[in-house]
Amino acid sequence: MMAFDVLFPDVAKNECRTLRPINDPHVPEETFLFREHYCEERDCDCRRALLQIWSTERRRMVATINYGFEPSKRPFDDEPRVFLDPINPQSDLSDGLLELFESMLENDPGYHERLVRHYAMWKAVVDDPSHPDHPKVRNETHDEPSFLSAFPKRQEPVRRAGPKVGPNEPCPCGSGKKFKKCCRP
């Protein structure tokens, strides 16, 4: 994940979300800045943003929220749309800030639309090697053929050439033995 402001500093400056909670029992009256991060993996369609929340008074990051734009379509996927990211820094304010973020999404649908628009802008650069800003987020080592993609393209299943051989059927090698006693792995 890479910060949105790396590619779009002017847009980030004008559209960065800040929040100053008043009379919130879980979060102090401080100014919090929501810094957006997006995936730099080509052809990935994760449709999510990672939001680092910075306290301007403390001058440090106090929470990291992972936000998926829509519910997962994968079966048996119980990952929530909004959660505190477990592999990034958190603080004693994280739970309260997560509640404020969810409330902000609920009360301001334009914020969700802004994040989706920023994601689309970001992916247009990441997925297009001819884009002038592409080298800022992708370089030759990103596309090294020996590296495996974090999100490989779906491959076609391997199909067997002939019919399935049961264990008690004659071995296809022609030995006359049962398959289970001959060539079965």
Protein backbone atom coordinates (compact mmCIF):
# COMPACT_ATOMS: atom_id res chain seq x y z
CA MET A 1 0.00 0.00 0.00
CA MET A 2 1.24 3.44 -0.88
CA ALA A 3 0.04 6.90 0.11
CA PHE A 4 -2.37 8.60 -2.29
CA ASP A 5 -0.50 11.90 -1.91
CA VAL A 6 2.57 10.38 -3.62
CA LEU A 7 0.78 10.61 -6.98
CA PHE A 8 -1.84 13.26 -6.29
CA PRO A 9 -0.44 15.78 -3.79
CA ASP A 10 -2.79 18.61 -4.82
CA VAL A 11 -5.92 16.45 -4.72
CA ALA A 12 -4.85 15.02 -1.36
CA LYS A 13 -4.21 18.50 0.02
CA ASN A 14 -7.67 19.70 -1.05
CA GLU A 15 -9.65 16.55 -0.28
CA CYS A 16 -7.91 15.03 2.74
CA ARG A 17 -10.39 14.32 5.52
CA THR A 18 -9.73 15.80 8.93
CA LEU A 19 -11.87 15.36 12.00
CA ARG A 20 -12.02 17.04 15.39
CA PRO A 21 -14.43 15.19 17.70
CA ILE A 22 -16.26 17.25 20.30
CA ASN A 23 -17.60 15.74 23.52
CA ASP A 24 -16.73 12.19 22.48
CA PRO A 25 -16.16 9.98 25.53
CA HIS A 26 -13.63 7.75 23.71
CA VAL A 27 -11.60 10.23 21.67
CA PRO A 28 -10.03 13.50 22.89
CA GLU A 29 -10.65 16.88 21.26
CA GLU A 30 -7.73 16.73 18.86
CA THR A 31 -7.47 17.12 15.12
CA PHE A 32 -7.11 13.83 13.28
CA LEU A 33 -5.94 13.55 9.67
CA PHE A 34 -7.04 10.57 7.53
CA ARG A 35 -4.19 9.70 5.12
CA GLU A 36 -5.30 7.38 2.31
CA HIS A 37 -3.23 4.46 1.01
CA TYR A 38 -3.98 2.23 -1.96
CA CYS A 39 -2.60 -1.00 -3.44
CA GLU A 40 0.21 -0.69 -5.99
CA GLU A 41 -0.23 -4.24 -7.35
CA ARG A 42 -1.09 -4.25 -11.07
CA ASP A 43 -4.44 -5.75 -12.07
CA CYS A 44 -5.49 -6.08 -8.43
CA ASP A 45 -9.10 -5.11 -7.83
CA CYS A 46 -9.14 -5.26 -4.03
CA ARG A 47 -11.43 -2.19 -3.94
CA ARG A 48 -10.24 -0.99 -0.56
CA ALA A 49 -8.37 1.82 1.12
CA LEU A 50 -6.04 1.75 4.07
CA LEU A 51 -6.48 4.87 6.19
CA GLN A 52 -3.71 5.93 8.52
CA ILE A 53 -5.09 8.30 11.14
CA TRP A 54 -2.63 10.86 12.44
CA SER A 55 -3.05 13.06 15.49
CA THR A 56 -1.80 16.52 14.59
CA GLU A 57 -1.28 17.42 18.26
CA ARG A 58 0.68 14.25 19.08
CA ARG A 59 2.42 14.26 15.68
CA ARG A 60 2.08 10.52 15.31
CA MET A 61 -0.14 7.86 13.82
CA VAL A 62 -2.80 6.68 16.25
CA ALA A 63 -4.84 4.19 14.17
CA THR A 64 -4.89 2.29 10.88
CA ILE A 65 -8.28 1.37 9.40
CA ASN A 66 -8.83 -1.04 6.52
CA TYR A 67 -11.94 -0.11 4.53
CA GLY A 68 -13.44 -2.31 1.79
CA PHE A 69 -15.79 -0.39 -0.50
CA GLU A 70 -18.37 -3.16 -0.70
CA PRO A 71 -18.97 -6.53 0.97
CA SER A 72 -16.80 -9.40 -0.25
CA LYS A 73 -18.27 -11.62 -2.96
CA ARG A 74 -16.04 -14.56 -2.07
CA PRO A 75 -17.89 -17.45 -0.41
CA PHE A 76 -17.07 -18.08 3.23
CA ASP A 77 -15.29 -14.72 3.49
CA ASP A 78 -16.11 -13.29 6.88
CA GLU A 79 -13.75 -10.32 6.67
CA PRO A 80 -15.65 -7.17 7.66
CA ARG A 81 -15.75 -4.14 5.39
CA VAL A 82 -14.27 -1.85 8.05
CA PHE A 83 -11.75 -3.00 10.66
CA LEU A 84 -8.63 -1.97 12.53
CA ASP A 85 -5.78 -3.29 10.41
CA PRO A 86 -3.97 -5.97 12.46
CA ILE A 87 -0.57 -5.57 10.80
CA ASN A 88 -0.33 -1.79 11.18
CA PRO A 89 0.11 0.47 14.23
CA GLN A 90 -2.77 1.03 16.61
CA SER A 91 -3.12 2.99 19.86
CA ASP A 92 -5.47 3.37 22.79
CA LEU A 93 -7.56 5.71 20.55
CA SER A 94 -8.00 3.19 17.73
CA ASP A 95 -11.34 1.73 18.81
CA GLY A 96 -12.90 5.17 19.29
CA LEU A 97 -11.55 6.38 15.95
CA LEU A 98 -12.94 3.29 14.23
CA GLU A 99 -16.40 4.13 15.62
CA LEU A 100 -16.03 7.74 14.45
CA PHE A 101 -14.97 6.58 10.98
CA GLU A 102 -17.98 4.25 10.69
CA SER A 103 -20.26 7.07 11.82
CA MET A 104 -18.66 9.39 9.28
CA LEU A 105 -19.31 6.89 6.48
CA GLU A 106 -22.90 6.48 7.59
CA ASN A 107 -23.59 10.22 7.77
CA ASP A 108 -21.57 11.35 4.75
CA PRO A 109 -22.03 9.15 1.65
CA GLY A 110 -19.91 11.64 -0.29
CA TYR A 111 -16.86 10.52 1.66
CA HIS A 112 -17.30 6.92 0.46
CA GLU A 113 -17.70 8.21 -3.11
CA ARG A 114 -14.52 10.29 -2.73
CA LEU A 115 -12.52 7.24 -1.59
CA VAL A 116 -13.85 5.20 -4.53
CA ARG A 117 -12.94 8.03 -6.93
CA HIS A 118 -9.43 8.28 -5.46
CA TYR A 119 -9.06 4.50 -5.80
CA ALA A 120 -10.03 4.70 -9.49
CA MET A 121 -7.53 7.54 -10.08
CA TRP A 122 -4.81 5.53 -8.33
CA LYS A 123 -5.47 2.27 -10.20
CA ALA A 124 -5.49 4.10 -13.55
CA VAL A 125 -1.84 5.01 -12.93
CA VAL A 126 -0.81 1.66 -11.42
CA ASP A 127 -2.36 -0.44 -14.20
CA ASP A 128 -1.08 1.68 -17.11
CA PRO A 129 2.69 1.34 -17.73
CA SER A 130 2.53 4.18 -20.27
CA HIS A 131 1.18 6.67 -17.72
CA PRO A 132 3.85 9.30 -16.93
CA ASP A 133 3.45 8.77 -13.16
CA HIS A 134 3.58 4.97 -13.37
CA PRO A 135 7.30 4.79 -12.38
CA LYS A 136 6.48 6.55 -9.09
CA VAL A 137 4.57 3.49 -7.91
CA ARG A 138 5.90 0.68 -10.10
CA ASN A 139 9.45 0.01 -11.22
CA GLU A 140 11.23 -2.81 -13.06
CA THR A 141 11.52 -4.93 -9.90
CA HIS A 142 7.73 -4.85 -9.43
CA ASP A 143 7.27 -6.63 -12.75
CA GLU A 144 10.19 -9.06 -12.36
CA PRO A 145 8.89 -12.32 -13.91
CA SER A 146 10.43 -14.45 -11.15
CA PHE A 147 8.27 -12.71 -8.51
CA LEU A 148 4.87 -14.20 -7.94
CA SER A 149 1.92 -11.85 -7.83
CA ALA A 150 0.10 -11.49 -4.54
CA PHE A 151 -3.09 -11.88 -6.58
CA PRO A 152 -2.34 -14.36 -9.38
CA LYS A 153 -4.73 -14.58 -12.28
CA ARG A 154 -7.11 -17.51 -12.10
CA GLN A 155 -5.79 -20.52 -14.03
CA GLU A 156 -7.83 -23.09 -15.87
CA PRO A 157 -8.12 -26.42 -14.04
CA VAL A 158 -5.96 -29.30 -15.23
CA ARG A 159 -8.05 -31.89 -17.12
CA ARG A 160 -7.15 -35.58 -17.28
CA ALA A 161 -6.49 -36.91 -20.78
CA GLY A 162 -8.44 -40.16 -20.45
CA PRO A 163 -11.12 -41.62 -18.22
CA LYS A 164 -10.46 -42.05 -14.50
CA VAL A 165 -8.93 -45.43 -13.61
CA GLY A 166 -10.34 -47.08 -10.49
CA PRO A 167 -8.00 -48.87 -8.05
CA ASN A 168 -9.34 -52.35 -8.89
CA GLU A 169 -9.31 -51.89 -12.68
CA PRO A 170 -6.47 -53.20 -14.87
CA CYS A 171 -3.48 -50.86 -14.93
CA PRO A 172 -3.35 -48.72 -18.10
CA CYS A 173 0.37 -49.53 -18.51
CA GLY A 174 -0.63 -53.01 -19.75
CA SER A 175 1.06 -55.07 -17.01
CA GLY A 176 -2.12 -57.03 -16.29
CA LYS A 177 -2.00 -56.09 -12.59
CA LYS A 178 -4.64 -54.05 -10.77
CA PHE A 179 -3.97 -50.32 -10.92
CA LYS A 180 -3.66 -50.07 -7.11
CA LYS A 181 -0.83 -52.67 -7.12
CA CYS A 182 1.00 -51.25 -10.13
CA CYS A 183 1.26 -47.60 -11.19
CA ARG A 184 -1.10 -45.89 -8.74
CA PRO A 185 0.79 -43.10 -6.89
